[in-house]
PDB file of all heavy atoms in Angstrom:
ATOM      1  N   ILE A   1      19.708  33.322 -48.955  1.00  0.00           N
ATOM      2  CA  ILE A   1      20.261  31.963 -48.860  1.00  0.00           C
ATOM      3  C   ILE A   1      19.146  30.982 -48.498  1.00  0.00           C
ATOM      4  O   ILE A   1      18.993  29.940 -49.143  1.00  0.00           O
ATOM      5  CB  ILE A   1      21.417  31.897 -47.834  1.00  0.00           C
ATOM      6  CG1 ILE A   1      22.660  32.597 -48.394  1.00  0.00           C
ATOM      7  CG2 ILE A   1      21.740  30.442 -47.452  1.00  0.00           C
ATOM      8  CD1 ILE A   1      23.780  32.791 -47.389  1.00  0.00           C
ATOM      9  N   LYS A   2      18.350  31.311 -47.500  1.00  0.00           N
ATOM     10  CA  LYS A   2      17.245  30.428 -47.091  1.00  0.00           C
ATOM     11  C   LYS A   2      16.230  30.280 -48.221  1.00  0.00           C
ATOM     12  O   LYS A   2      15.715  29.180 -48.456  1.00  0.00           O
ATOM     13  CB  LYS A   2      16.562  30.976 -45.838  1.00  0.00           C
ATOM     14  CG  LYS A   2      17.353  30.776 -44.580  1.00  0.00           C
ATOM     15  CD  LYS A   2      16.565  31.244 -43.375  1.00  0.00           C
ATOM     16  CE  LYS A   2      17.356  31.433 -42.157  1.00  0.00           C
ATOM     17  NZ  LYS A   2      17.846  30.513 -41.354  1.00  0.00           N
ATOM     18  N   GLU A   3      15.939  31.370 -48.919  1.00  0.00           N
ATOM     19  CA  GLU A   3      14.983  31.320 -50.030  1.00  0.00           C
ATOM     20  C   GLU A   3      15.465  30.377 -51.131  1.00  0.00           C
ATOM     21  O   GLU A   3      14.711  29.534 -51.619  1.00  0.00           O
ATOM     22  CB  GLU A   3      14.776  32.727 -50.601  1.00  0.00           C
ATOM     23  CG  GLU A   3      13.801  32.791 -51.753  1.00  0.00           C
ATOM     24  CD  GLU A   3      13.654  34.188 -52.332  1.00  0.00           C
ATOM     25  OE1 GLU A   3      14.533  35.051 -52.109  1.00  0.00           O
ATOM     26  OE2 GLU A   3      12.646  34.412 -53.031  1.00  0.00           O
ATOM     27  N   ILE A   4      16.737  30.514 -51.524  1.00  0.00           N
ATOM     28  CA  ILE A   4      17.286  29.653 -52.578  1.00  0.00           C
ATOM     29  C   ILE A   4      17.331  28.206 -52.128  1.00  0.00           C
ATOM     30  O   ILE A   4      16.980  27.299 -52.884  1.00  0.00           O
ATOM     31  CB  ILE A   4      18.687  30.135 -53.012  1.00  0.00           C
ATOM     32  CG1 ILE A   4      18.581  31.499 -53.695  1.00  0.00           C
ATOM     33  CG2 ILE A   4      19.341  29.122 -53.949  1.00  0.00           C
ATOM     34  CD1 ILE A   4      19.925  32.156 -53.966  1.00  0.00           C
ATOM     35  N   GLU A   5      17.746  27.968 -50.889  1.00  0.00           N
ATOM     36  CA  GLU A   5      17.783  26.590 -50.376  1.00  0.00           C
ATOM     37  C   GLU A   5      16.387  25.976 -50.409  1.00  0.00           C
ATOM     38  O   GLU A   5      16.227  24.806 -50.773  1.00  0.00           O
ATOM     39  CB  GLU A   5      18.359  26.568 -48.953  1.00  0.00           C
ATOM     40  CG  GLU A   5      19.856  26.814 -48.919  1.00  0.00           C
ATOM     41  CD  GLU A   5      20.419  26.937 -47.513  1.00  0.00           C
ATOM     42  OE1 GLU A   5      19.659  27.224 -46.559  1.00  0.00           O
ATOM     43  OE2 GLU A   5      21.637  26.757 -47.366  1.00  0.00           O
ATOM     44  N   ASN A   6      15.367  26.742 -50.050  1.00  0.00           N
ATOM     45  CA  ASN A   6      13.993  26.256 -50.077  1.00  0.00           C
ATOM     46  C   ASN A   6      13.531  25.968 -51.506  1.00  0.00           C
ATOM     47  O   ASN A   6      12.906  24.940 -51.777  1.00  0.00           O
ATOM     48  CB  ASN A   6      13.058  27.265 -49.404  1.00  0.00           C
ATOM     49  CG  ASN A   6      11.659  26.731 -49.265  1.00  0.00           C
ATOM     50  OD1 ASN A   6      11.458  25.601 -48.848  1.00  0.00           O
ATOM     51  ND2 ASN A   6      10.684  27.548 -49.622  1.00  0.00           N
ATOM     52  N   ILE A   7      13.850  26.864 -52.418  1.00  0.00           N
ATOM     53  CA  ILE A   7      13.492  26.664 -53.829  1.00  0.00           C
ATOM     54  C   ILE A   7      14.121  25.383 -54.355  1.00  0.00           C
ATOM     55  O   ILE A   7      13.454  24.548 -54.961  1.00  0.00           O
ATOM     56  CB  ILE A   7      13.914  27.868 -54.693  1.00  0.00           C
ATOM     57  CG1 ILE A   7      13.044  29.089 -54.374  1.00  0.00           C
ATOM     58  CG2 ILE A   7      13.845  27.532 -56.185  1.00  0.00           C
ATOM     59  CD1 ILE A   7      13.568  30.395 -54.973  1.00  0.00           C
ATOM     60  N   LEU A   8      15.422  25.226 -54.113  1.00  0.00           N
ATOM     61  CA  LEU A   8      16.128  24.047 -54.623  1.00  0.00           C
ATOM     62  C   LEU A   8      15.644  22.754 -53.952  1.00  0.00           C
ATOM     63  O   LEU A   8      15.567  21.708 -54.601  1.00  0.00           O
ATOM     64  CB  LEU A   8      17.644  24.211 -54.451  1.00  0.00           C
ATOM     65  CG  LEU A   8      18.279  25.298 -55.333  1.00  0.00           C
ATOM     66  CD1 LEU A   8      19.746  25.495 -54.965  1.00  0.00           C
ATOM     67  CD2 LEU A   8      18.135  24.959 -56.802  1.00  0.00           C
ATOM     68  N   ALA A   9      15.301  22.826 -52.663  1.00  0.00           N
ATOM     69  CA  ALA A   9      14.827  21.633 -51.954  1.00  0.00           C
ATOM     70  C   ALA A   9      13.473  21.168 -52.499  1.00  0.00           C
ATOM     71  O   ALA A   9      13.166  19.977 -52.453  1.00  0.00           O
ATOM     72  CB  ALA A   9      14.720  21.920 -50.455  1.00  0.00           C
ATOM     73  N   ASN A  10      12.689  22.100 -53.010  1.00  0.00           N
ATOM     74  CA  ASN A  10      11.350  21.774 -53.503  1.00  0.00           C
ATOM     75  C   ASN A  10      11.253  21.853 -55.023  1.00  0.00           C
ATOM     76  O   ASN A  10      10.153  21.901 -55.567  1.00  0.00           O
ATOM     77  CB  ASN A  10      10.316  22.712 -52.874  1.00  0.00           C
ATOM     78  CG  ASN A  10      10.217  22.510 -51.381  1.00  0.00           C
ATOM     79  OD1 ASN A  10       9.968  21.421 -50.906  1.00  0.00           O
ATOM     80  ND2 ASN A  10      10.453  23.580 -50.634  1.00  0.00           N
ATOM     81  N   ALA A  11      12.395  21.874 -55.691  1.00  0.00           N
ATOM     82  CA  ALA A  11      12.397  22.068 -57.139  1.00  0.00           C
ATOM     83  C   ALA A  11      12.120  20.784 -57.900  1.00  0.00           C
ATOM     84  O   ALA A  11      12.552  19.701 -57.506  1.00  0.00           O
ATOM     85  CB  ALA A  11      13.743  22.635 -57.587  1.00  0.00           C
ATOM     86  N   LYS A  12      11.401  20.954 -58.973  1.00  0.00           N
ATOM     87  CA  LYS A  12      11.231  19.884 -59.950  1.00  0.00           C
ATOM     88  C   LYS A  12      11.972  20.369 -61.190  1.00  0.00           C
ATOM     89  O   LYS A  12      11.572  21.347 -61.825  1.00  0.00           O
ATOM     90  CB  LYS A  12       9.751  19.660 -60.272  1.00  0.00           C
ATOM     91  CG  LYS A  12       9.544  18.632 -61.364  1.00  0.00           C
ATOM     92  CD  LYS A  12       8.073  18.475 -61.697  1.00  0.00           C
ATOM     93  CE  LYS A  12       7.922  17.482 -62.842  1.00  0.00           C
ATOM     94  NZ  LYS A  12       6.532  17.428 -63.311  1.00  0.00           N
ATOM     95  N   ILE A  13      13.083  19.717 -61.492  1.00  0.00           N
ATOM     96  CA  ILE A  13      13.886  20.103 -62.646  1.00  0.00           C
ATOM     97  C   ILE A  13      13.242  19.491 -63.880  1.00  0.00           C
ATOM     98  O   ILE A  13      13.092  18.273 -63.972  1.00  0.00           O
ATOM     99  CB  ILE A  13      15.353  19.636 -62.517  1.00  0.00           C
ATOM    100  CG1 ILE A  13      15.952  20.060 -61.171  1.00  0.00           C
ATOM    101  CG2 ILE A  13      16.180  20.152 -63.691  1.00  0.00           C
ATOM    102  CD1 ILE A  13      15.982  21.527 -60.899  1.00  0.00           C
ATOM    103  N   VAL A  14      12.854  20.340 -64.803  1.00  0.00           N
ATOM    104  CA  VAL A  14      12.164  19.885 -66.011  1.00  0.00           C
ATOM    105  C   VAL A  14      13.209  19.543 -67.059  1.00  0.00           C
ATOM    106  O   VAL A  14      14.050  20.371 -67.415  1.00  0.00           O
ATOM    107  CB  VAL A  14      11.211  20.978 -66.532  1.00  0.00           C
ATOM    108  CG1 VAL A  14      10.543  20.531 -67.815  1.00  0.00           C
ATOM    109  CG2 VAL A  14      10.166  21.286 -65.484  1.00  0.00           C
ATOM    110  N   ARG A  15      13.146  18.334 -67.526  1.00  0.00           N
ATOM    111  CA  ARG A  15      14.028  17.884 -68.611  1.00  0.00           C
ATOM    112  C   ARG A  15      13.418  18.317 -69.931  1.00  0.00           C
ATOM    113  O   ARG A  15      12.202  18.283 -70.108  1.00  0.00           O
ATOM    114  CB  ARG A  15      14.162  16.360 -68.587  1.00  0.00           C
ATOM    115  CG  ARG A  15      14.683  15.822 -67.287  1.00  0.00           C
ATOM    116  CD  ARG A  15      16.186  15.935 -67.208  1.00  0.00           C
ATOM    117  NE  ARG A  15      16.644  15.397 -65.934  1.00  0.00           N
ATOM    118  CZ  ARG A  15      17.379  16.077 -65.082  1.00  0.00           C
ATOM    119  NH1 ARG A  15      17.720  17.307 -65.323  1.00  0.00           N
ATOM    120  NH2 ARG A  15      17.781  15.528 -63.956  1.00  0.00           N
ATOM    121  N   GLU A  16      14.265  18.699 -70.839  1.00  0.00           N
ATOM    122  CA  GLU A  16      13.781  19.132 -72.143  1.00  0.00           C
ATOM    123  C   GLU A  16      13.205  17.942 -72.895  1.00  0.00           C
ATOM    124  O   GLU A  16      13.734  16.843 -72.840  1.00  0.00           O
ATOM    125  CB  GLU A  16      14.919  19.755 -72.962  1.00  0.00           C
ATOM    126  CG  GLU A  16      15.763  20.793 -72.237  1.00  0.00           C
ATOM    127  CD  GLU A  16      14.996  21.909 -71.581  1.00  0.00           C
ATOM    128  OE1 GLU A  16      13.867  22.214 -72.010  1.00  0.00           O
ATOM    129  OE2 GLU A  16      15.491  22.478 -70.618  1.00  0.00           O
ATOM    130  N   SER A  17      12.124  18.175 -73.583  1.00  0.00           N
ATOM    131  CA  SER A  17      11.475  17.128 -74.364  1.00  0.00           C
ATOM    132  C   SER A  17      12.377  16.733 -75.528  1.00  0.00           C
ATOM    133  O   SER A  17      13.008  17.564 -76.155  1.00  0.00           O
ATOM    134  CB  SER A  17      10.135  17.641 -74.895  1.00  0.00           C
ATOM    135  OG  SER A  17       9.585  16.707 -75.768  1.00  0.00           O
ATOM    136  N   THR A  18      12.404  15.452 -75.817  1.00  0.00           N
ATOM    137  CA  THR A  18      13.195  14.977 -76.950  1.00  0.00           C
ATOM    138  C   THR A  18      12.300  14.506 -78.080  1.00  0.00           C
ATOM    139  O   THR A  18      12.765  13.962 -79.066  1.00  0.00           O
ATOM    140  CB  THR A  18      14.114  13.811 -76.528  1.00  0.00           C
ATOM    141  OG1 THR A  18      13.302  12.780 -75.970  1.00  0.00           O
ATOM    142  CG2 THR A  18      15.147  14.274 -75.530  1.00  0.00           C
ATOM    143  N   ASN A  19      10.971  14.739 -77.928  1.00  0.00           N
ATOM    144  CA  ASN A  19      10.081  14.272 -78.988  1.00  0.00           C
ATOM    145  C   ASN A  19      10.243  15.133 -80.238  1.00  0.00           C
ATOM    146  O   ASN A  19      10.699  16.259 -80.187  1.00  0.00           O
ATOM    147  CB  ASN A  19       8.624  14.208 -78.518  1.00  0.00           C
ATOM    148  CG  ASN A  19       8.057  15.583 -78.213  1.00  0.00           C
ATOM    149  OD1 ASN A  19       8.494  16.589 -78.741  1.00  0.00           O
ATOM    150  ND2 ASN A  19       7.065  15.621 -77.347  1.00  0.00           N
ATOM    151  N   ASN A  20       9.867  14.569 -81.354  1.00  0.00           N
ATOM    152  CA  ASN A  20      10.017  15.279 -82.624  1.00  0.00           C
ATOM    153  C   ASN A  20       8.788  16.104 -82.972  1.00  0.00           C
ATOM    154  O   ASN A  20       8.735  16.722 -84.019  1.00  0.00           O
ATOM    155  CB  ASN A  20      10.298  14.273 -83.753  1.00  0.00           C
ATOM    156  CG  ASN A  20      11.639  13.606 -83.569  1.00  0.00           C
ATOM    157  OD1 ASN A  20      12.581  14.228 -83.100  1.00  0.00           O
ATOM    158  ND2 ASN A  20      11.735  12.337 -83.923  1.00  0.00           N
ATOM    159  N   ASP A  21       7.779  16.106 -82.104  1.00  0.00           N
ATOM    160  CA  ASP A  21       6.546  16.830 -82.380  1.00  0.00           C
ATOM    161  C   ASP A  21       6.716  18.341 -82.268  1.00  0.00           C
ATOM    162  O   ASP A  21       5.891  19.093 -82.774  1.00  0.00           O
ATOM    163  CB  ASP A  21       5.433  16.397 -81.418  1.00  0.00           C
ATOM    164  CG  ASP A  21       5.007  14.968 -81.662  1.00  0.00           C
ATOM    165  OD1 ASP A  21       5.216  14.474 -82.787  1.00  0.00           O
ATOM    166  OD2 ASP A  21       4.471  14.358 -80.737  1.00  0.00           O
ATOM    167  N   LYS A  22       7.770  18.765 -81.607  1.00  0.00           N
ATOM    168  CA  LYS A  22       8.003  20.184 -81.372  1.00  0.00           C
ATOM    169  C   LYS A  22       6.780  20.845 -80.746  1.00  0.00           C
ATOM    170  O   LYS A  22       6.146  21.714 -81.320  1.00  0.00           O
ATOM    171  CB  LYS A  22       8.421  20.896 -82.654  1.00  0.00           C
ATOM    172  CG  LYS A  22       9.838  20.604 -83.053  1.00  0.00           C
ATOM    173  CD  LYS A  22      10.368  21.734 -83.899  1.00  0.00           C
ATOM    174  CE  LYS A  22      11.870  21.676 -83.916  1.00  0.00           C
ATOM    175  NZ  LYS A  22      12.464  22.887 -84.375  1.00  0.00           N
ATOM    176  N   VAL A  23       6.470  20.393 -79.562  1.00  0.00           N
ATOM    177  CA  VAL A  23       5.366  20.940 -78.786  1.00  0.00           C
ATOM    178  C   VAL A  23       5.936  21.911 -77.768  1.00  0.00           C
ATOM    179  O   VAL A  23       6.955  21.637 -77.136  1.00  0.00           O
ATOM    180  CB  VAL A  23       4.587  19.800 -78.081  1.00  0.00           C
ATOM    181  CG1 VAL A  23       3.520  20.349 -77.174  1.00  0.00           C
ATOM    182  CG2 VAL A  23       3.994  18.857 -79.109  1.00  0.00           C
ATOM    183  N   VAL A  24       5.280  23.049 -77.579  1.00  0.00           N
ATOM    184  CA  VAL A  24       5.742  24.051 -76.621  1.00  0.00           C
ATOM    185  C   VAL A  24       5.613  23.514 -75.205  1.00  0.00           C
ATOM    186  O   VAL A  24       4.578  22.961 -74.827  1.00  0.00           O
ATOM    187  CB  VAL A  24       4.932  25.360 -76.749  1.00  0.00           C
ATOM    188  CG1 VAL A  24       5.378  26.362 -75.684  1.00  0.00           C
ATOM    189  CG2 VAL A  24       5.073  25.964 -78.133  1.00  0.00           C
ATOM    190  N   GLY A  25       6.678  23.662 -74.438  1.00  0.00           N
ATOM    191  CA  GLY A  25       6.697  23.284 -73.027  1.00  0.00           C
ATOM    192  C   GLY A  25       7.735  24.117 -72.309  1.00  0.00           C
ATOM    193  O   GLY A  25       8.354  25.007 -72.901  1.00  0.00           O
ATOM    194  N   ILE A  26       7.953  23.839 -71.046  1.00  0.00           N
ATOM    195  CA  ILE A  26       8.969  24.570 -70.292  1.00  0.00           C
ATOM    196  C   ILE A  26      10.326  24.294 -70.918  1.00  0.00           C
ATOM    197  O   ILE A  26      10.663  23.160 -71.217  1.00  0.00           O
ATOM    198  CB  ILE A  26       8.942  24.181 -68.811  1.00  0.00           C
ATOM    199  CG1 ILE A  26       7.622  24.657 -68.211  1.00  0.00           C
ATOM    200  CG2 ILE A  26      10.126  24.772 -68.067  1.00  0.00           C
ATOM    201  CD1 ILE A  26       7.434  24.291 -66.776  1.00  0.00           C
ATOM    202  N   GLY A  27      11.075  25.343 -71.143  1.00  0.00           N
ATOM    203  CA  GLY A  27      12.380  25.240 -71.783  1.00  0.00           C
ATOM    204  C   GLY A  27      12.324  25.526 -73.270  1.00  0.00           C
ATOM    205  O   GLY A  27      13.361  25.671 -73.913  1.00  0.00           O
TER     206      GLY A  27
END
């Protein structure tokens, strides 16, 4: 529980790219 709370408190949620270049990234 503490580990997950720490992860979520320090998380950067990556939004999926909407560009048409189709470049590899997270997600």
